[in-house]
Amino acid sequence: MPGAPIVSLLPRHPGKYLKKGPAYVVGNCTYFAGKDFIDFGSMDWGKMMDKHGIEDLNRVLVFFDDHQNELKRLKQALKAGFKHLVFEDNNDPGTGDRYSFRKICDQFYIRGFLSFTS
């Protein structure tokens, strides 16, 4: 799948990092970066899939590495019709900079926290 279309949403274009060292920039990628940045939840995914000729969202993989609330991103992705999702960061409870699925699902931590605070 080296020719598969890629859509990348990031505040800063990876080409900006080339001055500091290697950066991954590919020709088959549509970048929404810098002044063209659009947040995942604000993107018109129907229009974007049409642009790339993608009719079956079951053939789409969404990869999140944006350090945002993962529950919020899950809801946004499901609303847009995406089913195959990967979340790169899944921090332990008490670590990280956002709400991750591990924090949501770690029942031992939740039980321990609740009994500790009661």
PDB file of N, CA and C in Angstrom:
ATOM      1  N   MET A   1       0.806  -1.190   0.000  1.00  0.00           N
ATOM      2  CA  MET A   1       0.000   0.000   0.000  1.00  0.00           C
ATOM      3  C   MET A   1       0.860   1.269   0.000  1.00  0.00           C
ATOM      4  N   PRO A   2       2.017   1.237  -0.608  1.00  0.00           N
ATOM      5  CA  PRO A   2       2.844   2.449  -0.590  1.00  0.00           C
ATOM      6  C   PRO A   2       2.196   3.629  -1.306  1.00  0.00           C
ATOM      7  N   GLY A   3       1.276   3.394  -2.215  1.00  0.00           N
ATOM      8  CA  GLY A   3       0.632   4.496  -2.920  1.00  0.00           C
ATOM      9  C   GLY A   3      -0.688   4.918  -2.316  1.00  0.00           C
ATOM     10  N   ALA A   4      -1.055   4.339  -1.172  1.00  0.00           N
ATOM     11  CA  ALA A   4      -2.339   4.668  -0.538  1.00  0.00           C
ATOM     12  C   ALA A   4      -2.368   6.143  -0.160  1.00  0.00           C
ATOM     13  N   PRO A   5      -3.511   6.801  -0.359  1.00  0.00           N
ATOM     14  CA  PRO A   5      -3.587   8.213   0.026  1.00  0.00           C
ATOM     15  C   PRO A   5      -3.511   8.374   1.542  1.00  0.00           C
ATOM     16  N   ILE A   6      -2.825   9.421   1.960  1.00  0.00           N
ATOM     17  CA  ILE A   6      -2.670   9.751   3.377  1.00  0.00           C
ATOM     18  C   ILE A   6      -3.161  11.178   3.572  1.00  0.00           C
ATOM     19  N   VAL A   7      -3.897  11.397   4.644  1.00  0.00           N
ATOM     20  CA  VAL A   7      -4.310  12.743   5.029  1.00  0.00           C
ATOM     21  C   VAL A   7      -3.684  13.003   6.390  1.00  0.00           C
ATOM     22  N   SER A   8      -2.945  14.083   6.507  1.00  0.00           N
ATOM     23  CA  SER A   8      -2.240  14.398   7.746  1.00  0.00           C
ATOM     24  C   SER A   8      -2.699  15.752   8.267  1.00  0.00           C
ATOM     25  N   LEU A   9      -3.140  15.760   9.519  1.00  0.00           N
ATOM     26  CA  LEU A   9      -3.569  16.994  10.186  1.00  0.00           C
ATOM     27  C   LEU A   9      -2.587  17.278  11.310  1.00  0.00           C
ATOM     28  N   LEU A  10      -1.846  18.367  11.199  1.00  0.00           N
ATOM     29  CA  LEU A  10      -0.906  18.706  12.250  1.00  0.00           C
ATOM     30  C   LEU A  10      -0.631  20.200  12.235  1.00  0.00           C
ATOM     31  N   PRO A  11      -0.447  20.774  13.412  1.00  0.00           N
ATOM     32  CA  PRO A  11      -0.258  22.216  13.487  1.00  0.00           C
ATOM     33  C   PRO A  11       0.961  22.724  12.717  1.00  0.00           C
ATOM     34  N   ARG A  12       1.999  21.920  12.623  1.00  0.00           N
ATOM     35  CA  ARG A  12       3.227  22.342  11.937  1.00  0.00           C
ATOM     36  C   ARG A  12       3.596  21.305  10.881  1.00  0.00           C
ATOM     37  N   HIS A  13       3.849  21.744   9.671  1.00  0.00           N
ATOM     38  CA  HIS A  13       4.199  20.840   8.574  1.00  0.00           C
ATOM     39  C   HIS A  13       5.520  20.137   8.891  1.00  0.00           C
ATOM     40  N   PRO A  14       5.600  18.812   8.655  1.00  0.00           N
ATOM     41  CA  PRO A  14       6.834  18.091   8.972  1.00  0.00           C
ATOM     42  C   PRO A  14       8.042  18.596   8.189  1.00  0.00           C
ATOM     43  N   GLY A  15       7.809  19.218   7.038  1.00  0.00           N
ATOM     44  CA  GLY A  15       8.918  19.780   6.272  1.00  0.00           C
ATOM     45  C   GLY A  15       9.688  20.831   7.049  1.00  0.00           C
ATOM     46  N   LYS A  16       9.050  21.487   8.011  1.00  0.00           N
ATOM     47  CA  LYS A  16       9.707  22.498   8.847  1.00  0.00           C
ATOM     48  C   LYS A  16      10.813  21.879   9.704  1.00  0.00           C
ATOM     49  N   TYR A  17      10.708  20.574   9.957  1.00  0.00           N
ATOM     50  CA  TYR A  17      11.683  19.904  10.811  1.00  0.00           C
ATOM     51  C   TYR A  17      12.924  19.457  10.034  1.00  0.00           C
ATOM     52  N   LEU A  18      12.897  19.550   8.701  1.00  0.00           N
ATOM     53  CA  LEU A  18      14.027  19.096   7.900  1.00  0.00           C
ATOM     54  C   LEU A  18      15.310  19.847   8.246  1.00  0.00           C
ATOM     55  N   LYS A  19      15.195  21.080   8.708  1.00  0.00           N
ATOM     56  CA  LYS A  19      16.378  21.852   9.096  1.00  0.00           C
ATOM     57  C   LYS A  19      17.053  21.244  10.323  1.00  0.00           C
ATOM     58  N   LYS A  20      16.286  20.535  11.146  1.00  0.00           N
ATOM     59  CA  LYS A  20      16.818  19.948  12.380  1.00  0.00           C
ATOM     60  C   LYS A  20      17.275  18.511  12.178  1.00  0.00           C
ATOM     61  N   GLY A  21      16.885  17.876  11.066  1.00  0.00           N
ATOM     62  CA  GLY A  21      17.236  16.484  10.817  1.00  0.00           C
ATOM     63  C   GLY A  21      16.184  15.836   9.947  1.00  0.00           C
ATOM     64  N   PRO A  22      16.190  14.512   9.886  1.00  0.00           N
ATOM     65  CA  PRO A  22      15.243  13.813   9.023  1.00  0.00           C
ATOM     66  C   PRO A  22      13.791  14.055   9.445  1.00  0.00           C
ATOM     67  N   ALA A  23      12.937  14.164   8.446  1.00  0.00           N
ATOM     68  CA  ALA A  23      11.491  14.295   8.678  1.00  0.00           C
ATOM     69  C   ALA A  23      10.777  13.496   7.593  1.00  0.00           C
ATOM     70  N   TYR A  24       9.636  12.949   7.928  1.00  0.00           N
ATOM     71  CA  TYR A  24       8.886  12.114   6.994  1.00  0.00           C
ATOM     72  C   TYR A  24       7.889  12.973   6.227  1.00  0.00           C
ATOM     73  N   VAL A  25       8.164  13.210   4.948  1.00  0.00           N
ATOM     74  CA  VAL A  25       7.287  13.965   4.069  1.00  0.00           C
ATOM     75  C   VAL A  25       7.129  13.144   2.793  1.00  0.00           C
ATOM     76  N   VAL A  26       5.891  12.868   2.395  1.00  0.00           N
ATOM     77  CA  VAL A  26       5.663  12.031   1.216  1.00  0.00           C
ATOM     78  C   VAL A  26       4.726  12.731   0.234  1.00  0.00           C
ATOM     79  N   GLY A  27       4.867  12.370  -1.026  1.00  0.00           N
ATOM     80  CA  GLY A  27       4.077  12.985  -2.081  1.00  0.00           C
ATOM     81  C   GLY A  27       2.627  12.559  -2.114  1.00  0.00           C
ATOM     82  N   ASN A  28       2.315  11.357  -1.612  1.00  0.00           N
ATOM     83  CA  ASN A  28       0.928  10.884  -1.646  1.00  0.00           C
ATOM     84  C   ASN A  28       0.136  11.306  -0.408  1.00  0.00           C
ATOM     85  N   CYS A  29       0.644  12.325   0.294  1.00  0.00           N
ATOM     86  CA  CYS A  29      -0.009  12.806   1.504  1.00  0.00           C
ATOM     87  C   CYS A  29      -0.591  14.193   1.272  1.00  0.00           C
ATOM     88  N   THR A  30      -1.840  14.375   1.695  1.00  0.00           N
ATOM     89  CA  THR A  30      -2.457  15.689   1.718  1.00  0.00           C
ATOM     90  C   THR A  30      -2.257  16.242   3.119  1.00  0.00           C
ATOM     91  N   TYR A  31      -1.521  17.339   3.221  1.00  0.00           N
ATOM     92  CA  TYR A  31      -1.211  17.927   4.516  1.00  0.00           C
ATOM     93  C   TYR A  31      -2.150  19.093   4.811  1.00  0.00           C
ATOM     94  N   PHE A  32      -2.723  19.080   6.003  1.00  0.00           N
ATOM     95  CA  PHE A  32      -3.448  20.223   6.551  1.00  0.00           C
ATOM     96  C   PHE A  32      -2.619  20.675   7.740  1.00  0.00           C
ATOM     97  N   ALA A  33      -1.679  21.566   7.448  1.00  0.00           N
ATOM     98  CA  ALA A  33      -0.693  21.952   8.447  1.00  0.00           C
ATOM     99  C   ALA A  33      -0.450  23.452   8.374  1.00  0.00           C
ATOM    100  N   GLY A  34       0.142  23.963   9.454  1.00  0.00           N
ATOM    101  CA  GLY A  34       0.435  25.396   9.494  1.00  0.00           C
ATOM    102  C   GLY A  34      -0.833  26.212   9.373  1.00  0.00           C
ATOM    103  N   LYS A  35      -0.841  27.176   8.471  1.00  0.00           N
ATOM    104  CA  LYS A  35      -2.026  28.035   8.293  1.00  0.00           C
ATOM    105  C   LYS A  35      -3.215  27.264   7.717  1.00  0.00           C
ATOM    106  N   ASP A  36      -2.974  26.082   7.140  1.00  0.00           N
ATOM    107  CA  ASP A  36      -4.042  25.247   6.585  1.00  0.00           C
ATOM    108  C   ASP A  36      -4.534  24.179   7.558  1.00  0.00           C
ATOM    109  N   PHE A  37      -4.041  24.214   8.791  1.00  0.00           N
ATOM    110  CA  PHE A  37      -4.411  23.191   9.781  1.00  0.00           C
ATOM    111  C   PHE A  37      -5.920  23.183  10.044  1.00  0.00           C
ATOM    112  N   ILE A  38      -6.470  21.981  10.098  1.00  0.00           N
ATOM    113  CA  ILE A  38      -7.877  21.764  10.470  1.00  0.00           C
ATOM    114  C   ILE A  38      -7.882  20.655  11.519  1.00  0.00           C
ATOM    115  N   ASP A  39      -8.581  20.871  12.619  1.00  0.00           N
ATOM    116  CA  ASP A  39      -8.680  19.842  13.650  1.00  0.00           C
ATOM    117  C   ASP A  39      -9.500  18.658  13.116  1.00  0.00           C
ATOM    118  N   PHE A  40      -9.195  17.462  13.588  1.00  0.00           N
ATOM    119  CA  PHE A  40      -9.874  16.246  13.135  1.00  0.00           C
ATOM    120  C   PHE A  40     -11.393  16.382  13.213  1.00  0.00           C
ATOM    121  N   GLY A  41     -11.892  16.916  14.314  1.00  0.00           N
ATOM    122  CA  GLY A  41     -13.336  17.039  14.510  1.00  0.00           C
ATOM    123  C   GLY A  41     -13.992  18.072  13.621  1.00  0.00           C
ATOM    124  N   SER A  42     -13.225  18.950  12.994  1.00  0.00           N
ATOM    125  CA  SER A  42     -13.773  19.993  12.120  1.00  0.00           C
ATOM    126  C   SER A  42     -13.658  19.651  10.635  1.00  0.00           C
ATOM    127  N   MET A  43     -12.950  18.583  10.313  1.00  0.00           N
ATOM    128  CA  MET A  43     -12.734  18.200   8.913  1.00  0.00           C
ATOM    129  C   MET A  43     -14.027  17.663   8.299  1.00  0.00           C
ATOM    130  N   ASP A  44     -14.297  18.014   7.053  1.00  0.00           N
ATOM    131  CA  ASP A  44     -15.415  17.434   6.290  1.00  0.00           C
ATOM    132  C   ASP A  44     -14.901  16.133   5.674  1.00  0.00           C
ATOM    133  N   TRP A  45     -15.033  15.053   6.430  1.00  0.00           N
ATOM    134  CA  TRP A  45     -14.465  13.775   6.010  1.00  0.00           C
ATOM    135  C   TRP A  45     -15.178  13.195   4.795  1.00  0.00           C
ATOM    136  N   GLY A  46     -16.454  13.443   4.644  1.00  0.00           N
ATOM    137  CA  GLY A  46     -17.170  12.966   3.453  1.00  0.00           C
ATOM    138  C   GLY A  46     -16.562  13.549   2.192  1.00  0.00           C
ATOM    139  N   LYS A  47     -16.325  14.839   2.204  1.00  0.00           N
ATOM    140  CA  LYS A  47     -15.713  15.525   1.057  1.00  0.00           C
ATOM    141  C   LYS A  47     -14.290  15.017   0.825  1.00  0.00           C
ATOM    142  N   MET A  48     -13.537  14.817   1.915  1.00  0.00           N
ATOM    143  CA  MET A  48     -12.155  14.354   1.783  1.00  0.00           C
ATOM    144  C   MET A  48     -12.107  12.939   1.201  1.00  0.00           C
ATOM    145  N   MET A  49     -12.992  12.067   1.635  1.00  0.00           N
ATOM    146  CA  MET A  49     -13.010  10.704   1.099  1.00  0.00           C
ATOM    147  C   MET A  49     -13.416  10.725  -0.376  1.00  0.00           C
ATOM    148  N   ASP A  50     -14.376  11.566  -0.737  1.00  0.00           N
ATOM    149  CA  ASP A  50     -14.763  11.709  -2.147  1.00  0.00           C
ATOM    150  C   ASP A  50     -13.579  12.175  -2.984  1.00  0.00           C
ATOM    151  N   LYS A  51     -12.827  13.127  -2.468  1.00  0.00           N
ATOM    152  CA  LYS A  51     -11.660  13.671  -3.189  1.00  0.00           C
ATOM    153  C   LYS A  51     -10.663  12.570  -3.518  1.00  0.00           C
ATOM    154  N   HIS A  52     -10.516  11.608  -2.615  1.00  0.00           N
ATOM    155  CA  HIS A  52      -9.558  10.523  -2.804  1.00  0.00           C
ATOM    156  C   HIS A  52     -10.204   9.264  -3.401  1.00  0.00           C
ATOM    157  N   GLY A  53     -11.493   9.358  -3.764  1.00  0.00           N
ATOM    158  CA  GLY A  53     -12.167   8.209  -4.378  1.00  0.00           C
ATOM    159  C   GLY A  53     -12.406   7.056  -3.422  1.00  0.00           C
ATOM    160  N   ILE A  54     -12.522   7.346  -2.151  1.00  0.00           N
ATOM    161  CA  ILE A  54     -12.727   6.294  -1.141  1.00  0.00           C
ATOM    162  C   ILE A  54     -14.207   6.230  -0.810  1.00  0.00           C
ATOM    163  N   GLU A  55     -14.814   5.091  -1.107  1.00  0.00           N
ATOM    164  CA  GLU A  55     -16.243   4.901  -0.838  1.00  0.00           C
ATOM    165  C   GLU A  55     -16.493   4.031   0.377  1.00  0.00           C
ATOM    166  N   ASP A  56     -15.557   3.153   0.691  1.00  0.00           N
ATOM    167  CA  ASP A  56     -15.738   2.190   1.783  1.00  0.00           C
ATOM    168  C   ASP A  56     -14.846   2.580   2.964  1.00  0.00           C
ATOM    169  N   LEU A  57     -15.446   3.145   4.003  1.00  0.00           N
ATOM    170  CA  LEU A  57     -14.663   3.560   5.180  1.00  0.00           C
ATOM    171  C   LEU A  57     -14.096   2.376   5.954  1.00  0.00           C
ATOM    172  N   ASN A  58     -14.547   1.156   5.641  1.00  0.00           N
ATOM    173  CA  ASN A  58     -13.961  -0.032   6.255  1.00  0.00           C
ATOM    174  C   ASN A  58     -12.528  -0.250   5.784  1.00  0.00           C
ATOM    175  N   ARG A  59     -12.128   0.455   4.737  1.00  0.00           N
ATOM    176  CA  ARG A  59     -10.774   0.324   4.199  1.00  0.00           C
ATOM    177  C   ARG A  59      -9.869   1.474   4.662  1.00  0.00           C
ATOM    178  N   VAL A  60     -10.352   2.244   5.627  1.00  0.00           N
ATOM    179  CA  VAL A  60      -9.606   3.402   6.122  1.00  0.00           C
ATOM    180  C   VAL A  60      -9.096   3.131   7.530  1.00  0.00           C
ATOM    181  N   LEU A  61      -7.843   3.479   7.773  1.00  0.00           N
ATOM    182  CA  LEU A  61      -7.259   3.400   9.111  1.00  0.00           C
ATOM    183  C   LEU A  61      -6.965   4.827   9.572  1.00  0.00           C
ATOM    184  N   VAL A  62      -7.444   5.167  10.756  1.00  0.00           N
ATOM    185  CA  VAL A  62      -7.165   6.473  11.351  1.00  0.00           C
ATOM    186  C   VAL A  62      -6.150   6.265  12.464  1.00  0.00           C
ATOM    187  N   PHE A  63      -5.054   6.996  12.392  1.00  0.00           N
ATOM    188  CA  PHE A  63      -3.973   6.889  13.366  1.00  0.00           C
ATOM    189  C   PHE A  63      -3.861   8.213  14.106  1.00  0.00           C
ATOM    190  N   PHE A  64      -4.125   8.187  15.406  1.00  0.00           N
ATOM    191  CA  PHE A  64      -4.057   9.400  16.224  1.00  0.00           C
ATOM    192  C   PHE A  64      -2.745   9.447  16.994  1.00  0.00           C
ATOM    193  N   ASP A  65      -2.050  10.557  16.872  1.00  0.00           N
ATOM    194  CA  ASP A  65      -0.877  10.847  17.698  1.00  0.00           C
ATOM    195  C   ASP A  65      -0.906  12.346  17.981  1.00  0.00           C
ATOM    196  N   ASP A  66      -2.028  12.784  18.567  1.00  0.00           N
ATOM    197  CA  ASP A  66      -2.236  14.225  18.707  1.00  0.00           C
ATOM    198  C   ASP A  66      -2.340  14.710  20.147  1.00  0.00           C
ATOM    199  N   HIS A  67      -2.170  13.803  21.093  1.00  0.00           N
ATOM    200  CA  HIS A  67      -2.172  14.169  22.514  1.00  0.00           C
ATOM    201  C   HIS A  67      -3.445  14.922  22.912  1.00  0.00           C
ATOM    202  N   GLN A  68      -4.572  14.439  22.397  1.00  0.00           N
ATOM    203  CA  GLN A  68      -5.876  14.994  22.743  1.00  0.00           C
ATOM    204  C   GLN A  68      -6.672  13.940  23.507  1.00  0.00           C
ATOM    205  N   ASN A  69      -7.766  14.337  24.091  1.00  0.00           N
ATOM    206  CA  ASN A  69      -8.656  13.431  24.811  1.00  0.00           C
ATOM    207  C   ASN A  69      -9.082  12.308  23.868  1.00  0.00           C
ATOM    208  N   GLU A  70      -8.701  11.067  24.185  1.00  0.00           N
ATOM    209  CA  GLU A  70      -8.971   9.939  23.293  1.00  0.00           C
ATOM    210  C   GLU A  70     -10.456   9.604  23.211  1.00  0.00           C
ATOM    211  N   LEU A  71     -11.191   9.807  24.278  1.00  0.00           N
ATOM    212  CA  LEU A  71     -12.627   9.552  24.242  1.00  0.00           C
ATOM    213  C   LEU A  71     -13.311  10.525  23.278  1.00  0.00           C
ATOM    214  N   LYS A  72     -12.894  11.779  23.320  1.00  0.00           N
ATOM    215  CA  LYS A  72     -13.432  12.778  22.388  1.00  0.00           C
ATOM    216  C   LYS A  72     -13.107  12.395  20.944  1.00  0.00           C
ATOM    217  N   ARG A  73     -11.869  11.969  20.687  1.00  0.00           N
ATOM    218  CA  ARG A  73     -11.470  11.570  19.334  1.00  0.00           C
ATOM    219  C   ARG A  73     -12.242  10.325  18.874  1.00  0.00           C
ATOM    220  N   LEU A  74     -12.479   9.395  19.778  1.00  0.00           N
ATOM    221  CA  LEU A  74     -13.262   8.209  19.430  1.00  0.00           C
ATOM    222  C   LEU A  74     -14.664   8.607  18.981  1.00  0.00           C
ATOM    223  N   LYS A  75     -15.305   9.473  19.732  1.00  0.00           N
ATOM    224  CA  LYS A  75     -16.650   9.930  19.372  1.00  0.00           C
ATOM    225  C   LYS A  75     -16.647  10.638  18.025  1.00  0.00           C
ATOM    226  N   GLN A  76     -15.656  11.499  17.781  1.00  0.00           N
ATOM    227  CA  GLN A  76     -15.570  12.212  16.508  1.00  0.00           C
ATOM    228  C   GLN A  76     -15.358  11.239  15.344  1.00  0.00           C
ATOM    229  N   ALA A  77     -14.490  10.261  15.530  1.00  0.00           N
ATOM    230  CA  ALA A  77     -14.200   9.298  14.466  1.00  0.00           C
ATOM    231  C   ALA A  77     -15.420   8.439  14.156  1.00  0.00           C
ATOM    232  N   LEU A  78     -16.110   7.968  15.180  1.00  0.00           N
ATOM    233  CA  LEU A  78     -17.304   7.149  14.951  1.00  0.00           C
ATOM    234  C   LEU A  78     -18.404   7.962  14.270  1.00  0.00           C
ATOM    235  N   LYS A  79     -18.559   9.216  14.668  1.00  0.00           N
ATOM    236  CA  LYS A  79     -19.553  10.093  14.038  1.00  0.00           C
ATOM    237  C   LYS A  79     -19.250  10.277  12.551  1.00  0.00           C
ATOM    238  N   ALA A  80     -17.972  10.334  12.196  1.00  0.00           N
ATOM    239  CA  ALA A  80     -17.567  10.494  10.802  1.00  0.00           C
ATOM    240  C   ALA A  80     -17.664   9.185  10.020  1.00  0.00           C
ATOM    241  N   GLY A  81     -17.893   8.062  10.727  1.00  0.00           N
ATOM    242  CA  GLY A  81     -18.049   6.773  10.051  1.00  0.00           C
ATOM    243  C   GLY A  81     -16.824   5.890  10.054  1.00  0.00           C
ATOM    244  N   PHE A  82     -15.755   6.316  10.720  1.00  0.00           N
ATOM    245  CA  PHE A  82     -14.536   5.516  10.780  1.00  0.00           C
ATOM    246  C   PHE A  82     -14.678   4.418  11.826  1.00  0.00           C
ATOM    247  N   LYS A  83     -14.089   3.257  11.542  1.00  0.00           N
ATOM    248  CA  LYS A  83     -14.182   2.124  12.463  1.00  0.00           C
ATOM    249  C   LYS A  83     -12.822   1.597  12.905  1.00  0.00           C
ATOM    250  N   HIS A  84     -11.806   1.821  12.098  1.00  0.00           N
ATOM    251  CA  HIS A  84     -10.473   1.285  12.395  1.00  0.00           C
ATOM    252  C   HIS A  84      -9.595   2.423  12.891  1.00  0.00           C
ATOM    253  N   LEU A  85      -9.312   2.397  14.196  1.00  0.00           N
ATOM    254  CA  LEU A  85      -8.621   3.506  14.845  1.00  0.00           C
ATOM    255  C   LEU A  85      -7.425   2.987  15.636  1.00  0.00           C
ATOM    256  N   VAL A  86      -6.342   3.736  15.606  1.00  0.00           N
ATOM    257  CA  VAL A  86      -5.171   3.443  16.421  1.00  0.00           C
ATOM    258  C   VAL A  86      -4.831   4.720  17.185  1.00  0.00           C
ATOM    259  N   PHE A  87      -4.588   4.570  18.483  1.00  0.00           N
ATOM    260  CA  PHE A  87      -4.187   5.687  19.327  1.00  0.00           C
ATOM    261  C   PHE A  87      -2.762   5.413  19.790  1.00  0.00           C
ATOM    262  N   GLU A  88      -1.840   6.239  19.341  1.00  0.00           N
ATOM    263  CA  GLU A  88      -0.420   5.987  19.584  1.00  0.00           C
ATOM    264  C   GLU A  88      -0.052   6.076  21.056  1.00  0.00           C
ATOM    265  N   ASP A  89      -0.566   7.035  21.761  1.00  0.00           N
ATOM    266  CA  ASP A  89      -0.208   7.213  23.165  1.00  0.00           C
ATOM    267  C   ASP A  89      -1.328   6.667  24.047  1.00  0.00           C
ATOM    268  N   ASN A  90      -0.964   5.855  25.029  1.00  0.00           N
ATOM    269  CA  ASN A  90      -1.950   5.279  25.940  1.00  0.00           C
ATOM    270  C   ASN A  90      -1.337   5.255  27.336  1.00  0.00           C
ATOM    271  N   ASN A  91      -1.221   6.435  27.908  1.00  0.00           N
ATOM    272  CA  ASN A  91      -0.490   6.590  29.163  1.00  0.00           C
ATOM    273  C   ASN A  91      -1.159   5.910  30.348  1.00  0.00           C
ATOM    274  N   ASP A  92      -0.320   5.516  31.287  1.00  0.00           N
ATOM    275  CA  ASP A  92      -0.790   4.977  32.561  1.00  0.00           C
ATOM    276  C   ASP A  92      -1.512   6.070  33.343  1.00  0.00           C
ATOM    277  N   PRO A  93      -2.435   5.664  34.223  1.00  0.00           N
ATOM    278  CA  PRO A  93      -3.070   6.653  35.106  1.00  0.00           C
ATOM    279  C   PRO A  93      -2.019   7.445  35.875  1.00  0.00           C
ATOM    280  N   GLY A  94      -2.245   8.732  35.976  1.00  0.00           N
ATOM    281  CA  GLY A  94      -1.323   9.599  36.694  1.00  0.00           C
ATOM    282  C   GLY A  94      -0.174  10.113  35.846  1.00  0.00           C
ATOM    283  N   THR A  95      -0.116   9.699  34.559  1.00  0.00           N
ATOM    284  CA  THR A  95       0.941  10.168  33.668  1.00  0.00           C
ATOM    285  C   THR A  95       0.307  10.723  32.388  1.00  0.00           C
ATOM    286  N   GLY A  96       1.111  11.347  31.558  1.00  0.00           N
ATOM    287  CA  GLY A  96       0.638  11.824  30.265  1.00  0.00           C
ATOM    288  C   GLY A  96      -0.069  13.165  30.348  1.00  0.00           C
ATOM    289  N   ASP A  97      -0.444  13.647  29.165  1.00  0.00           N
ATOM    290  CA  ASP A  97      -1.010  14.989  29.080  1.00  0.00           C
ATOM    291  C   ASP A  97      -2.445  15.012  28.563  1.00  0.00           C
ATOM    292  N   ARG A  98      -3.131  13.842  28.591  1.00  0.00           N
ATOM    293  CA  ARG A  98      -4.528  13.809  28.148  1.00  0.00           C
ATOM    294  C   ARG A  98      -5.214  12.565  28.694  1.00  0.00           C
ATOM    295  N   TYR A  99      -6.513  12.504  28.453  1.00  0.00           N
ATOM    296  CA  TYR A  99      -7.349  11.396  28.903  1.00  0.00           C
ATOM    297  C   TYR A  99      -7.196  10.243  27.925  1.00  0.00           C
ATOM    298  N   SER A 100      -6.592   9.140  28.347  1.00  0.00           N
ATOM    299  CA  SER A 100      -6.336   7.997  27.471  1.00  0.00           C
ATOM    300  C   SER A 100      -7.274   6.843  27.827  1.00  0.00           C
ATOM    301  N   PHE A 101      -7.364   5.869  26.926  1.00  0.00           N
ATOM    302  CA  PHE A 101      -8.218   4.709  27.184  1.00  0.00           C
ATOM    303  C   PHE A 101      -7.718   3.911  28.382  1.00  0.00           C
ATOM    304  N   ARG A 102      -6.426   3.877  28.577  1.00  0.00           N
ATOM    305  CA  ARG A 102      -5.911   3.161  29.738  1.00  0.00           C
ATOM    306  C   ARG A 102      -6.395   3.816  31.029  1.00  0.00           C
ATOM    307  N   LYS A 103      -6.432   5.137  31.040  1.00  0.00           N
ATOM    308  CA  LYS A 103      -6.929   5.843  32.220  1.00  0.00           C
ATOM    309  C   LYS A 103      -8.409   5.561  32.428  1.00  0.00           C
ATOM    310  N   ILE A 104      -9.148   5.448  31.335  1.00  0.00           N
ATOM    311  CA  ILE A 104     -10.579   5.169  31.417  1.00  0.00           C
ATOM    312  C   ILE A 104     -10.826   3.752  31.922  1.00  0.00           C
ATOM    313  N   CYS A 105     -10.029   2.798  31.434  1.00  0.00           N
ATOM    314  CA  CYS A 105     -10.311   1.376  31.672  1.00  0.00           C
ATOM    315  C   CYS A 105      -9.555   0.750  32.831  1.00  0.00           C
ATOM    316  N   ASP A 106      -8.610   1.435  33.415  1.00  0.00           N
ATOM    317  CA  ASP A 106      -7.819   0.849  34.485  1.00  0.00           C
ATOM    318  C   ASP A 106      -8.633   0.818  35.776  1.00  0.00           C
ATOM    319  N   GLN A 107      -9.403  -0.240  35.939  1.00  0.00           N
ATOM    320  CA  GLN A 107     -10.320  -0.363  37.071  1.00  0.00           C
ATOM    321  C   GLN A 107      -9.594  -0.459  38.408  1.00  0.00           C
ATOM    322  N   PHE A 108      -8.406  -1.067  38.417  1.00  0.00           N
ATOM    323  CA  PHE A 108      -7.657  -1.146  39.659  1.00  0.00           C
ATOM    324  C   PHE A 108      -7.345   0.258  40.158  1.00  0.00           C
ATOM    325  N   TYR A 109      -6.900   1.111  39.257  1.00  0.00           N
ATOM    326  CA  TYR A 109      -6.583   2.493  39.625  1.00  0.00           C
ATOM    327  C   TYR A 109      -7.838   3.209  40.117  1.00  0.00           C
ATOM    328  N   ILE A 110      -8.939   3.017  39.394  1.00  0.00           N
ATOM    329  CA  ILE A 110     -10.186   3.691  39.763  1.00  0.00           C
ATOM    330  C   ILE A 110     -10.653   3.219  41.137  1.00  0.00           C
ATOM    331  N   ARG A 111     -10.673   1.896  41.369  1.00  0.00           N
ATOM    332  CA  ARG A 111     -11.101   1.371  42.669  1.00  0.00           C
ATOM    333  C   ARG A 111     -10.183   1.881  43.779  1.00  0.00           C
ATOM    334  N   GLY A 112      -8.870   1.849  43.524  1.00  0.00           N
ATOM    335  CA  GLY A 112      -7.915   2.307  44.529  1.00  0.00           C
ATOM    336  C   GLY A 112      -8.091   3.793  44.823  1.00  0.00           C
ATOM    337  N   PHE A 113      -8.327   4.562  43.785  1.00  0.00           N
ATOM    338  CA  PHE A 113      -8.521   6.004  43.939  1.00  0.00           C
ATOM    339  C   PHE A 113      -9.784   6.282  44.722  1.00  0.00           C
ATOM    340  N   LEU A 114     -10.868   5.573  44.377  1.00  0.00           N
ATOM    341  CA  LEU A 114     -12.147   5.820  45.048  1.00  0.00           C
ATOM    342  C   LEU A 114     -12.093   5.421  46.516  1.00  0.00           C
ATOM    343  N   SER A 115     -11.462   4.275  46.822  1.00  0.00           N
ATOM    344  CA  SER A 115     -11.393   3.849  48.221  1.00  0.00           C
ATOM    345  C   SER A 115     -10.427   4.748  49.011  1.00  0.00           C
ATOM    346  N   PHE A 116      -9.412   5.266  48.347  1.00  0.00           N
ATOM    347  CA  PHE A 116      -8.463   6.142  49.003  1.00  0.00           C
ATOM    348  C   PHE A 116      -9.110   7.491  49.354  1.00  0.00           C
ATOM    349  N   THR A 117      -9.991   7.974  48.489  1.00  0.00           N
ATOM    350  CA  THR A 117     -10.591   9.286  48.701  1.00  0.00           C
ATOM    351  C   THR A 117     -11.869   9.213  49.530  1.00  0.00           C
ATOM    352  N   SER A 118     -12.387   8.043  49.795  1.00  0.00           N
ATOM    353  CA  SER A 118     -13.666   7.922  50.532  1.00  0.00           C
ATOM    354  C   SER A 118     -13.473   8.134  52.019  1.00  0.00           C
TER     355      SER A 118
END
